[in-house]
């Protein structure tokens, strides 16, 4: 992102004015479109708001923008020479379409993470760079010659990777499948997107956990689906709740994250798993099991996946390398009946002609080597240590003002604040102090809950970040 040159003799406001005029000439801001607000542009490029005010005044003096109180600053429709026709009303196009934008709180957090530095990130569900398997990747690139074709690959995914996933999933998660029932995707989110777009129709009713990561995904809204909640308790959802929802709304599909659930960290109790699958089979409802965290289990034994005990073919299983290796791999997988895999592979081919073979090749080399098990062992130790540090800091800084249950795996700690505060105000107070977190309402919960991810910040950053979070909270009480 462009920023003014503070070493230049040219005043900052003039650099900004010239840059914005250049972007108008390039068509980034066509006639009739609105420029960023003064405050937002100041945050984006790291200057005082008064500097942007002066830059916009310069543009107004040239007659190429117009400002209206309450509306903002708009590129003049007359100042760019005679026009034989109208410029497209890009605002109408941007606000139209069927693909819903991210929630405002999420957009605000991502904007801060993109332009504000440094920020202690308790919001992102992503591993810190020091937990990425960089050394393993370098070693694999040196010792394993790349021999795959660089042409369009099978729309279902790179065959050697699918073949390697068969023993990988059986040995680690007791999931039995074949390469023909696996679709390789660019992460779990693409699997979920394909399911909502290809297997469901606008107006269909689906059940999701409450709270749930699914609430933060506009893809359900974009697909026109009706969402109905399944309350999450300490032992997960109550399977009986599905029966009443089905009777009332004719639920067509269930979306669940039974292991180290996002955001609560809960594990669906073993006794409820068999009951859940029995109910789903009796009602003929498919179940989507989103399982990004199972292999992060801090204490050795992994929780059982629903797919591993599914005897009716009811479960569509979604996994990826994003939370257990690196988000940049962009490698996920979906296990489903072959008819479903064929339908989704056809749709994905229409989108992008399939994934790049290079990351698929690298992922195959990684999960097939002993380096993966070494990586997972270190990852579990590091995540457990980070959670312990976060819990100790929360107890020290907030004491009885916050309540939480330690997670046994995953990347997040779900916290209940004993004093309800406005999510937007708390987030903004934290941003001022160089910290971001994910408000609980993003996941559909009542105000007074927050999700603090311990995966992204360094171990030595957690204490300072929690101290700043505590100061922000107390400033609003």
Protein backbone atom coordinates (compact mmCIF):
# COMPACT_ATOMS: atom_id res chain seq x y z
CA UNK A 1 0.00 0.00 0.00
CA UNK A 2 1.24 3.45 -0.93
CA UNK A 3 2.45 5.73 1.86
CA UNK A 4 3.86 9.27 1.58
CA UNK A 5 7.63 9.70 1.60
CA UNK A 6 8.55 11.45 4.84
CA UNK A 7 12.10 12.08 3.60
CA UNK A 8 10.87 14.11 0.62
CA UNK A 9 10.95 17.90 0.63
CA UNK A 10 7.44 17.89 -0.82
CA UNK A 11 4.79 18.38 1.93
CA UNK A 12 2.87 15.28 2.96
CA UNK A 13 -0.52 16.78 2.09
CA UNK A 14 0.70 17.56 -1.42
CA UNK A 15 2.01 14.01 -1.92
CA UNK A 16 -1.37 12.67 -0.84
CA UNK A 17 -3.24 15.08 -3.09
CA UNK A 18 -1.15 14.09 -6.11
CA UNK A 19 -1.49 10.38 -5.36
CA UNK A 20 -5.30 10.61 -5.09
CA UNK A 21 -5.48 12.64 -8.32
CA UNK A 22 -3.33 10.00 -10.04
CA UNK A 23 -5.71 7.26 -8.88
CA UNK A 24 -8.63 9.24 -10.29
CA UNK A 25 -6.88 9.50 -13.65
CA UNK A 26 -6.24 5.74 -13.61
CA UNK A 27 -9.93 5.08 -13.08
CA UNK A 28 -9.61 3.69 -9.55
CA UNK A 29 -11.91 6.51 -8.42
CA UNK A 30 -14.11 7.34 -11.44
CA UNK A 31 -16.37 10.43 -11.59
CA UNK A 32 -19.20 10.14 -9.10
CA UNK A 33 -17.38 7.74 -6.78
CA UNK A 34 -16.53 8.55 -3.16
CA UNK A 35 -13.02 8.84 -1.75
CA UNK A 36 -12.17 7.19 1.58
CA UNK A 37 -13.18 9.24 4.59
CA UNK A 38 -10.50 11.53 5.98
CA UNK A 39 -10.12 9.44 9.12
CA UNK A 40 -9.95 6.13 7.25
CA UNK A 41 -7.38 7.37 4.72
CA UNK A 42 -5.27 8.79 7.56
CA UNK A 43 -5.27 5.38 9.27
CA UNK A 44 -4.45 3.58 6.02
CA UNK A 45 -1.41 5.64 5.13
CA UNK A 46 -0.22 6.49 8.65
CA UNK A 47 -0.66 10.27 8.85
CA UNK A 48 -2.66 12.69 10.96
CA UNK A 49 -6.24 13.32 9.91
CA UNK A 50 -5.45 17.04 9.57
CA UNK A 51 -2.95 16.18 6.81
CA UNK A 52 -5.65 14.37 4.82
CA UNK A 53 -8.06 17.27 5.42
CA UNK A 54 -5.49 19.57 3.86
CA UNK A 55 -4.95 17.20 0.91
CA UNK A 56 -8.68 16.99 0.22
CA UNK A 57 -8.90 20.78 0.44
CA UNK A 58 -6.22 20.93 -2.27
CA UNK A 59 -8.28 18.61 -4.49
CA UNK A 60 -11.40 20.73 -3.89
CA UNK A 61 -9.47 23.87 -4.82
CA UNK A 62 -8.63 22.24 -8.15
CA UNK A 63 -12.31 21.53 -8.65
CA UNK A 64 -11.87 17.78 -9.12
CA UNK A 65 -13.68 16.68 -5.97
CA UNK A 66 -16.76 17.90 -4.13
CA UNK A 67 -17.54 17.50 -0.44
CA UNK A 68 -20.98 17.32 1.11
CA UNK A 69 -21.60 17.31 4.86
CA UNK A 70 -22.85 13.89 5.92
CA UNK A 71 -22.06 12.26 2.56
CA UNK A 72 -18.30 12.54 2.14
CA UNK A 73 -15.94 13.59 -0.64
CA UNK A 74 -16.93 12.63 -4.19
CA UNK A 75 -14.99 12.80 -7.44
CA UNK A 76 -16.55 15.57 -9.54
CA UNK A 77 -18.61 14.44 -12.53
CA UNK A 78 -17.84 17.64 -14.46
CA UNK A 79 -14.15 18.28 -13.83
CA UNK A 80 -12.75 15.54 -16.06
CA UNK A 81 -13.77 16.98 -19.40
CA UNK A 82 -16.94 16.61 -21.47
CA UNK A 83 -18.58 13.20 -21.26
CA UNK A 84 -20.82 11.72 -23.94
CA UNK A 85 -22.28 9.19 -21.50
CA UNK A 86 -22.60 8.39 -17.85
CA UNK A 87 -19.94 6.69 -15.75
CA UNK A 88 -21.14 3.45 -14.18
CA UNK A 89 -22.61 3.88 -10.72
CA UNK A 90 -20.03 1.66 -9.09
CA UNK A 91 -21.55 2.11 -5.63
CA UNK A 92 -24.73 0.41 -6.78
CA UNK A 93 -22.71 -2.43 -8.26
CA UNK A 94 -20.55 -2.81 -5.16
CA UNK A 95 -23.58 -2.87 -2.89
CA UNK A 96 -25.46 -5.22 -5.22
CA UNK A 97 -24.79 -8.79 -6.26
CA UNK A 98 -25.57 -11.94 -4.35
CA UNK A 99 -22.23 -12.40 -2.59
CA UNK A 100 -22.54 -10.87 0.87
CA UNK A 101 -19.60 -8.90 2.35
CA UNK A 102 -17.85 -9.88 5.57
CA UNK A 103 -19.32 -8.66 8.86
CA UNK A 104 -18.33 -5.06 9.76
CA UNK A 105 -16.38 -6.16 12.85
CA UNK A 106 -14.35 -8.63 10.79
CA UNK A 107 -13.69 -6.03 8.08
CA UNK A 108 -12.49 -3.59 10.75
CA UNK A 109 -10.13 -6.15 12.29
CA UNK A 110 -8.66 -7.12 8.92
CA UNK A 111 -8.19 -3.50 7.96
CA UNK A 112 -6.24 -2.88 11.17
CA UNK A 113 -4.10 -5.97 10.69
CA UNK A 114 -3.34 -4.91 7.12
CA UNK A 115 -2.23 -1.34 7.77
CA UNK A 116 -1.52 -0.82 11.47
CA UNK A 117 1.78 -1.99 12.91
CA UNK A 118 2.69 -3.45 15.25
CA UNK A 119 -0.48 -5.18 16.49
CA UNK A 120 -0.76 -8.12 18.87
CA UNK A 121 -3.18 -10.38 17.07
CA UNK A 122 -5.57 -12.34 19.28
CA UNK A 123 -8.14 -12.32 16.45
CA UNK A 124 -6.67 -14.43 13.66
CA UNK A 125 -7.20 -18.17 13.68
CA UNK A 126 -3.76 -18.65 12.15
CA UNK A 127 -0.46 -20.04 13.34
CA UNK A 128 2.46 -17.70 13.99
CA UNK A 129 5.26 -17.81 11.39
CA UNK A 130 7.61 -19.57 13.82
CA UNK A 131 5.16 -22.51 13.91
CA UNK A 132 5.15 -22.92 10.14
CA UNK A 133 7.21 -25.91 8.89
CA UNK A 134 9.62 -23.70 6.96
CA UNK A 135 12.68 -25.85 7.62
CA UNK A 136 10.82 -28.97 6.52
CA UNK A 137 9.66 -27.28 3.33
CA UNK A 138 13.22 -26.16 2.50
CA UNK A 139 14.51 -29.68 3.10
CA UNK A 140 11.82 -31.24 0.91
CA UNK A 141 12.45 -28.79 -1.91
CA UNK A 142 16.15 -29.68 -1.85
CA UNK A 143 15.84 -33.43 -1.71
CA UNK A 144 12.66 -34.20 -3.70
CA UNK A 145 12.78 -33.42 -7.44
CA UNK A 146 9.57 -31.91 -8.83
CA UNK A 147 8.35 -34.22 -11.57
CA UNK A 148 4.64 -33.44 -11.80
CA UNK A 149 3.12 -31.98 -14.96
CA UNK A 150 2.49 -28.23 -15.03
CA UNK A 151 -0.64 -28.54 -17.14
CA UNK A 152 -4.23 -28.53 -15.93
CA UNK A 153 -4.57 -31.24 -13.31
CA UNK A 154 -7.46 -33.55 -12.43
CA UNK A 155 -10.30 -31.31 -11.17
CA UNK A 156 -10.63 -33.68 -8.22
CA UNK A 157 -7.06 -32.90 -7.19
CA UNK A 158 -3.51 -34.19 -7.61
CA UNK A 159 -3.80 -37.99 -7.57
CA UNK A 160 -0.60 -38.73 -5.56
CA UNK A 161 -1.83 -36.36 -2.83
CA UNK A 162 -5.23 -38.04 -2.70
CA UNK A 163 -3.52 -41.42 -2.55
CA UNK A 164 -1.28 -40.27 0.31
CA UNK A 165 -4.25 -38.89 2.23
CA UNK A 166 -5.81 -42.36 2.38
CA UNK A 167 -3.21 -43.83 4.82
CA UNK A 168 -2.63 -40.41 6.42
CA UNK A 169 -6.28 -40.17 7.52
CA UNK A 170 -6.58 -43.83 8.50
CA UNK A 171 -3.44 -43.90 10.63
CA UNK A 172 -4.05 -40.61 12.43
CA UNK A 173 -7.84 -40.26 12.59
CA UNK A 174 -9.10 -43.78 11.87
CA UNK A 175 -10.97 -42.47 8.81
CA UNK A 176 -11.19 -45.03 6.02
CA UNK A 177 -11.67 -43.75 2.51
CA UNK A 178 -10.34 -44.08 -1.04
CA UNK A 179 -8.70 -41.56 -3.35
CA UNK A 180 -11.84 -41.49 -5.53
CA UNK A 181 -13.88 -40.16 -2.58
CA UNK A 182 -11.50 -37.25 -1.87
CA UNK A 183 -11.69 -33.78 -3.37
CA UNK A 184 -8.69 -31.48 -2.87
CA UNK A 185 -9.70 -27.86 -2.18
CA UNK A 186 -7.94 -24.59 -1.40
CA UNK A 187 -8.66 -24.91 2.32
CA UNK A 188 -11.72 -25.81 4.38
CA UNK A 189 -13.56 -22.65 3.44
CA UNK A 190 -13.70 -23.62 -0.23
CA UNK A 191 -15.13 -27.01 0.74
CA UNK A 192 -17.88 -25.28 2.73
CA UNK A 193 -18.51 -22.83 -0.10
CA UNK A 194 -18.90 -25.61 -2.67
CA UNK A 195 -21.29 -27.47 -0.36
CA UNK A 196 -23.51 -24.44 0.23
CA UNK A 197 -23.57 -23.49 -3.44
CA UNK A 198 -23.94 -26.92 -5.05
CA UNK A 199 -25.80 -29.16 -2.61
CA UNK A 200 -28.29 -26.68 -1.16
CA UNK A 201 -30.77 -24.19 -2.60
CA UNK A 202 -31.96 -20.71 -1.52
CA UNK A 203 -34.50 -21.04 1.26
CA UNK A 204 -33.13 -24.35 2.57
CA UNK A 205 -32.92 -24.63 6.34
CA UNK A 206 -29.62 -25.74 7.89
CA UNK A 207 -28.59 -26.19 11.52
CA UNK A 208 -25.32 -24.80 12.89
CA UNK A 209 -23.78 -24.69 16.33
CA UNK A 210 -24.42 -21.66 18.53
CA UNK A 211 -21.96 -20.03 18.95
CA UNK A 212 -20.25 -21.07 15.75
CA UNK A 213 -17.61 -20.01 13.26
CA UNK A 214 -20.32 -20.52 10.64
CA UNK A 215 -22.05 -17.31 11.84
CA UNK A 216 -19.01 -15.34 10.71
CA UNK A 217 -19.14 -16.75 7.16
CA UNK A 218 -21.30 -14.67 4.77
CA UNK A 219 -21.35 -17.65 2.36
CA UNK A 220 -24.45 -19.00 4.12
CA UNK A 221 -26.23 -15.68 3.62
CA UNK A 222 -24.99 -15.47 0.02
CA UNK A 223 -26.49 -18.89 -0.67
CA UNK A 224 -29.85 -17.73 0.73
CA UNK A 225 -29.87 -20.36 3.48
CA UNK A 226 -31.90 -20.13 6.67
CA UNK A 227 -29.75 -20.76 9.75
CA UNK A 228 -31.11 -22.38 12.92
CA UNK A 229 -29.01 -22.73 16.08
CA UNK A 230 -27.95 -25.80 18.04
CA UNK A 231 -26.75 -24.51 21.44
CA UNK A 232 -23.24 -25.65 22.37
CA UNK A 233 -22.70 -26.78 25.95
CA UNK A 234 -19.51 -27.92 27.66
CA UNK A 235 -19.96 -31.37 26.04
CA UNK A 236 -21.13 -30.02 22.68
CA UNK A 237 -24.63 -29.93 21.21
CA UNK A 238 -27.63 -31.94 22.42
CA UNK A 239 -28.53 -34.35 19.58
CA UNK A 240 -32.23 -34.27 20.58
CA UNK A 241 -32.33 -30.61 19.54
CA UNK A 242 -31.97 -31.74 15.93
CA UNK A 243 -35.29 -33.59 16.07
CA UNK A 244 -37.27 -30.51 17.14
CA UNK A 245 -35.53 -28.32 14.55
CA UNK A 246 -36.30 -30.86 11.84
CA UNK A 247 -39.97 -31.00 12.81
CA UNK A 248 -40.28 -27.21 12.84
CA UNK A 249 -38.14 -26.24 9.85
CA UNK A 250 -37.37 -29.36 7.79
CA UNK A 251 -33.62 -29.04 8.30
CA UNK A 252 -31.73 -30.10 5.17
CA UNK A 253 -28.16 -30.26 6.50
CA UNK A 254 -26.13 -30.02 9.73
CA UNK A 255 -22.83 -28.14 10.02
CA UNK A 256 -20.76 -29.16 13.04
CA UNK A 257 -17.22 -28.72 14.40
CA UNK A 258 -17.23 -31.44 17.08
CA UNK A 259 -13.53 -31.44 18.05
CA UNK A 260 -12.10 -28.34 19.81
CA UNK A 261 -15.07 -26.41 18.49
CA UNK A 262 -14.51 -22.90 17.15
CA UNK A 263 -14.93 -20.68 19.14
CA UNK A 264 -15.69 -22.53 22.42
CA UNK A 265 -12.98 -25.22 22.29
CA UNK A 266 -15.55 -27.83 23.44
CA UNK A 267 -15.46 -31.51 22.45
CA UNK A 268 -18.66 -33.34 21.58
CA UNK A 269 -19.09 -36.07 24.20
CA UNK A 270 -18.54 -39.63 22.85
CA UNK A 271 -22.01 -40.74 23.96
CA UNK A 272 -23.56 -37.92 21.97
CA UNK A 273 -21.68 -38.81 18.78
CA UNK A 274 -23.37 -42.16 18.24
CA UNK A 275 -26.73 -40.63 19.12
CA UNK A 276 -26.15 -37.74 16.71
CA UNK A 277 -25.30 -40.06 13.82
CA UNK A 278 -28.30 -42.27 14.57
CA UNK A 279 -30.66 -39.29 14.53
CA UNK A 280 -29.16 -37.90 11.34
CA UNK A 281 -29.52 -41.31 9.66
CA UNK A 282 -33.13 -41.72 10.82
CA UNK A 283 -34.06 -38.29 9.48
CA UNK A 284 -31.97 -38.67 6.32
CA UNK A 285 -30.00 -35.47 7.03
CA UNK A 286 -26.39 -35.16 5.82
CA UNK A 287 -23.88 -33.85 8.32
CA UNK A 288 -20.87 -31.69 7.45
CA UNK A 289 -18.02 -32.32 9.90
CA UNK A 290 -15.56 -29.42 9.83
CA UNK A 291 -12.43 -30.78 11.52
CA UNK A 292 -9.49 -28.36 11.32
CA UNK A 293 -8.10 -28.92 14.84
CA UNK A 294 -8.13 -32.63 15.82
CA UNK A 295 -4.41 -33.15 15.18
CA UNK A 296 -3.51 -30.25 17.49
CA UNK A 297 -4.62 -32.24 20.59
CA UNK A 298 -2.36 -31.08 23.43
CA UNK A 299 -2.49 -34.24 25.52
CA UNK A 300 -1.79 -37.11 23.16
CA UNK A 301 -5.03 -39.00 22.52
CA UNK A 302 -7.10 -37.52 19.71
CA UNK A 303 -10.87 -37.11 19.97
CA UNK A 304 -12.83 -39.43 17.69
CA UNK A 305 -14.08 -37.99 14.42
CA UNK A 306 -17.70 -38.47 13.42
CA UNK A 307 -16.56 -39.72 10.03
CA UNK A 308 -14.59 -42.57 11.62
CA UNK A 309 -17.78 -44.06 13.15
CA UNK A 310 -20.19 -43.15 10.34
CA UNK A 311 -21.79 -46.38 9.06
CA UNK A 312 -24.57 -44.76 7.00
CA UNK A 313 -22.52 -42.51 4.72
CA UNK A 314 -24.13 -39.45 6.31
CA UNK A 315 -20.97 -37.44 7.01
CA UNK A 316 -19.19 -35.08 4.62
CA UNK A 317 -15.76 -34.65 6.20
CA UNK A 318 -13.77 -31.41 5.77
CA UNK A 319 -10.11 -31.06 6.75
CA UNK A 320 -7.07 -28.97 5.81
CA UNK A 321 -3.43 -28.13 6.51
CA UNK A 322 -4.22 -24.52 7.44
CA UNK A 323 -4.44 -24.97 11.23
CA UNK A 324 -1.97 -27.85 11.59
CA UNK A 325 0.82 -26.74 9.24
CA UNK A 326 0.48 -23.41 7.41
CA UNK A 327 -2.39 -21.42 5.96
CA UNK A 328 -0.23 -20.58 2.95
CA UNK A 329 -0.33 -24.18 1.73
CA UNK A 330 -3.97 -23.52 0.71
CA UNK A 331 -4.61 -27.26 0.82
CA UNK A 332 -7.79 -28.80 2.15
CA UNK A 333 -9.76 -31.98 1.49
CA UNK A 334 -13.36 -33.07 1.41
CA UNK A 335 -14.37 -36.72 1.85
CA UNK A 336 -17.77 -37.51 0.39
CA UNK A 337 -19.67 -40.06 -1.72
CA UNK A 338 -18.28 -40.21 -5.24
CA UNK A 339 -21.41 -38.64 -6.72
CA UNK A 340 -20.97 -35.63 -4.45
CA UNK A 341 -17.24 -35.37 -5.17
CA UNK A 342 -17.99 -35.44 -8.91
CA UNK A 343 -20.58 -32.66 -8.60
CA UNK A 344 -18.32 -30.42 -6.53
CA UNK A 345 -15.26 -31.10 -8.70
CA UNK A 346 -17.26 -30.05 -11.76
CA UNK A 347 -18.29 -26.81 -10.04
CA UNK A 348 -14.76 -26.08 -8.84
CA UNK A 349 -13.40 -26.61 -12.35
CA UNK A 350 -15.78 -23.90 -13.57
CA UNK A 351 -14.28 -21.57 -10.96
CA UNK A 352 -10.55 -22.06 -11.45
CA UNK A 353 -9.78 -25.18 -13.55
CA UNK A 354 -8.39 -26.77 -10.40
CA UNK A 355 -5.65 -25.94 -7.94
CA UNK A 356 -2.02 -25.32 -8.80
CA UNK A 357 -0.19 -28.63 -8.81
CA UNK A 358 2.88 -27.16 -7.06
CA UNK A 359 1.43 -26.73 -3.53
CA UNK A 360 -0.40 -30.05 -3.93
CA UNK A 361 2.89 -31.74 -4.81
CA UNK A 362 4.61 -30.11 -1.83
CA UNK A 363 1.77 -31.07 0.54
CA UNK A 364 2.01 -34.64 -0.66
CA UNK A 365 5.76 -34.74 0.03
CA UNK A 366 5.22 -33.21 3.47
CA UNK A 367 2.46 -35.46 4.81
CA UNK A 368 4.24 -38.55 3.42
CA UNK A 369 7.49 -37.81 5.27
CA UNK A 370 8.61 -38.21 8.88
CA UNK A 371 8.96 -34.42 8.95
CA UNK A 372 5.20 -34.08 9.39
CA UNK A 373 5.12 -36.03 12.66
CA UNK A 374 8.08 -34.03 13.97
CA UNK A 375 6.25 -30.82 13.09
CA UNK A 376 2.99 -31.90 14.75
CA UNK A 377 4.78 -32.83 17.96
CA UNK A 378 6.42 -29.41 18.24
CA UNK A 379 3.20 -27.66 17.26
CA UNK A 380 1.21 -29.31 20.06
CA UNK A 381 3.83 -28.41 22.66
CA UNK A 382 3.99 -24.79 21.50
CA UNK A 383 0.22 -24.28 21.38
CA UNK A 384 -0.22 -25.82 24.84
CA UNK A 385 2.48 -23.49 26.21
CA UNK A 386 0.84 -20.45 24.62
CA UNK A 387 -2.54 -21.32 26.11
CA UNK A 388 -1.02 -21.77 29.57
CA UNK A 389 0.64 -18.36 29.27
CA UNK A 390 -2.60 -16.72 28.12
CA UNK A 391 -4.60 -18.25 30.98
CA UNK A 392 -2.01 -17.20 33.56
CA UNK A 393 -2.02 -13.64 32.20
CA UNK A 394 -5.83 -13.46 32.21
CA UNK A 395 -5.95 -14.61 35.83
CA UNK A 396 -3.28 -12.07 36.78
CA UNK A 397 -4.76 -9.11 34.89
CA UNK A 398 -8.51 -9.74 35.21
CA UNK A 399 -9.00 -12.28 37.99
CA UNK A 400 -12.70 -12.91 38.59
CA UNK A 401 -13.70 -10.47 35.85
CA UNK A 402 -13.25 -13.20 33.24
CA UNK A 403 -14.25 -16.86 33.07
CA UNK A 404 -12.93 -19.55 30.72
CA UNK A 405 -12.50 -23.31 30.35
CA UNK A 406 -9.08 -24.51 29.14
CA UNK A 407 -9.18 -26.07 25.68
CA UNK A 408 -7.51 -29.44 25.12
CA UNK A 409 -6.59 -28.55 21.56
CA UNK A 410 -7.17 -25.97 18.85
CA UNK A 411 -6.04 -22.37 18.68
CA UNK A 412 -8.57 -20.45 20.77
CA UNK A 413 -9.65 -19.63 24.30
CA UNK A 414 -13.34 -18.74 24.74
CA UNK A 415 -13.89 -16.18 27.49
CA UNK A 416 -16.96 -14.84 29.26
CA UNK A 417 -16.63 -11.31 30.65
CA UNK A 418 -18.56 -10.71 33.85
CA UNK A 419 -19.36 -7.17 32.74
CA UNK A 420 -21.15 -6.79 29.43
CA UNK A 421 -19.58 -4.15 27.19
CA UNK A 422 -20.23 -2.91 23.68
CA UNK A 423 -18.23 -5.01 21.20
CA UNK A 424 -17.41 -2.10 18.89
CA UNK A 425 -16.27 0.14 21.75
CA UNK A 426 -14.10 -2.57 23.31
CA UNK A 427 -12.53 -3.41 19.97
CA UNK A 428 -11.73 0.24 19.25
CA UNK A 429 -10.23 0.70 22.72
CA UNK A 430 -8.04 -2.34 22.13
CA UNK A 431 -6.99 -1.09 18.70
CA UNK A 432 -5.80 2.14 20.31
CA UNK A 433 -3.59 0.00 22.54
CA UNK A 434 -2.25 -2.14 19.70
CA UNK A 435 -4.35 -5.28 20.27
CA UNK A 436 -7.14 -6.98 18.32
CA UNK A 437 -9.45 -9.83 19.32
CA UNK A 438 -12.61 -11.44 17.97
CA UNK A 439 -15.86 -10.35 19.68
CA UNK A 440 -18.20 -13.19 20.56
CA UNK A 441 -21.14 -11.68 18.70
CA UNK A 442 -19.29 -12.45 15.44
CA UNK A 443 -20.01 -16.11 16.24
CA UNK A 444 -23.63 -15.51 17.19
CA UNK A 445 -23.17 -15.37 20.96
CA UNK A 446 -24.61 -12.82 23.35
CA UNK A 447 -22.49 -9.74 24.18
CA UNK A 448 -19.96 -10.31 26.92
CA UNK A 449 -18.00 -13.09 25.21
CA UNK A 450 -14.66 -12.87 23.38
CA UNK A 451 -12.51 -15.33 21.48
CA UNK A 452 -8.82 -14.91 22.15
CA UNK A 453 -6.58 -16.84 19.78
CA UNK A 454 -3.20 -17.76 21.24
CA UNK A 455 -1.77 -19.18 18.01
CA UNK A 456 -0.72 -16.02 16.17
CA UNK A 457 1.14 -13.93 18.79
CA UNK A 458 4.58 -14.91 19.99
CA UNK A 459 4.82 -16.41 23.47
CA UNK A 460 6.59 -13.27 24.70
CA UNK A 461 3.83 -11.00 23.30
CA UNK A 462 0.90 -12.61 25.10
CA UNK A 463 1.48 -10.99 28.50
CA UNK A 464 1.65 -7.45 27.11
CA UNK A 465 -1.35 -8.09 24.86
CA UNK A 466 -3.54 -9.35 27.70
CA UNK A 467 -2.48 -6.41 29.88
CA UNK A 468 -3.57 -4.00 27.15
CA UNK A 469 -6.84 -5.91 26.67
CA UNK A 470 -7.51 -5.62 30.42
CA UNK A 471 -6.84 -1.86 30.38
CA UNK A 472 -9.18 -1.40 27.42
CA UNK A 473 -11.92 -3.38 29.17
CA UNK A 474 -11.61 -1.45 32.43
CA UNK A 475 -11.70 1.86 30.59
CA UNK A 476 -15.29 1.05 29.58
CA UNK A 477 -16.54 -0.14 32.99
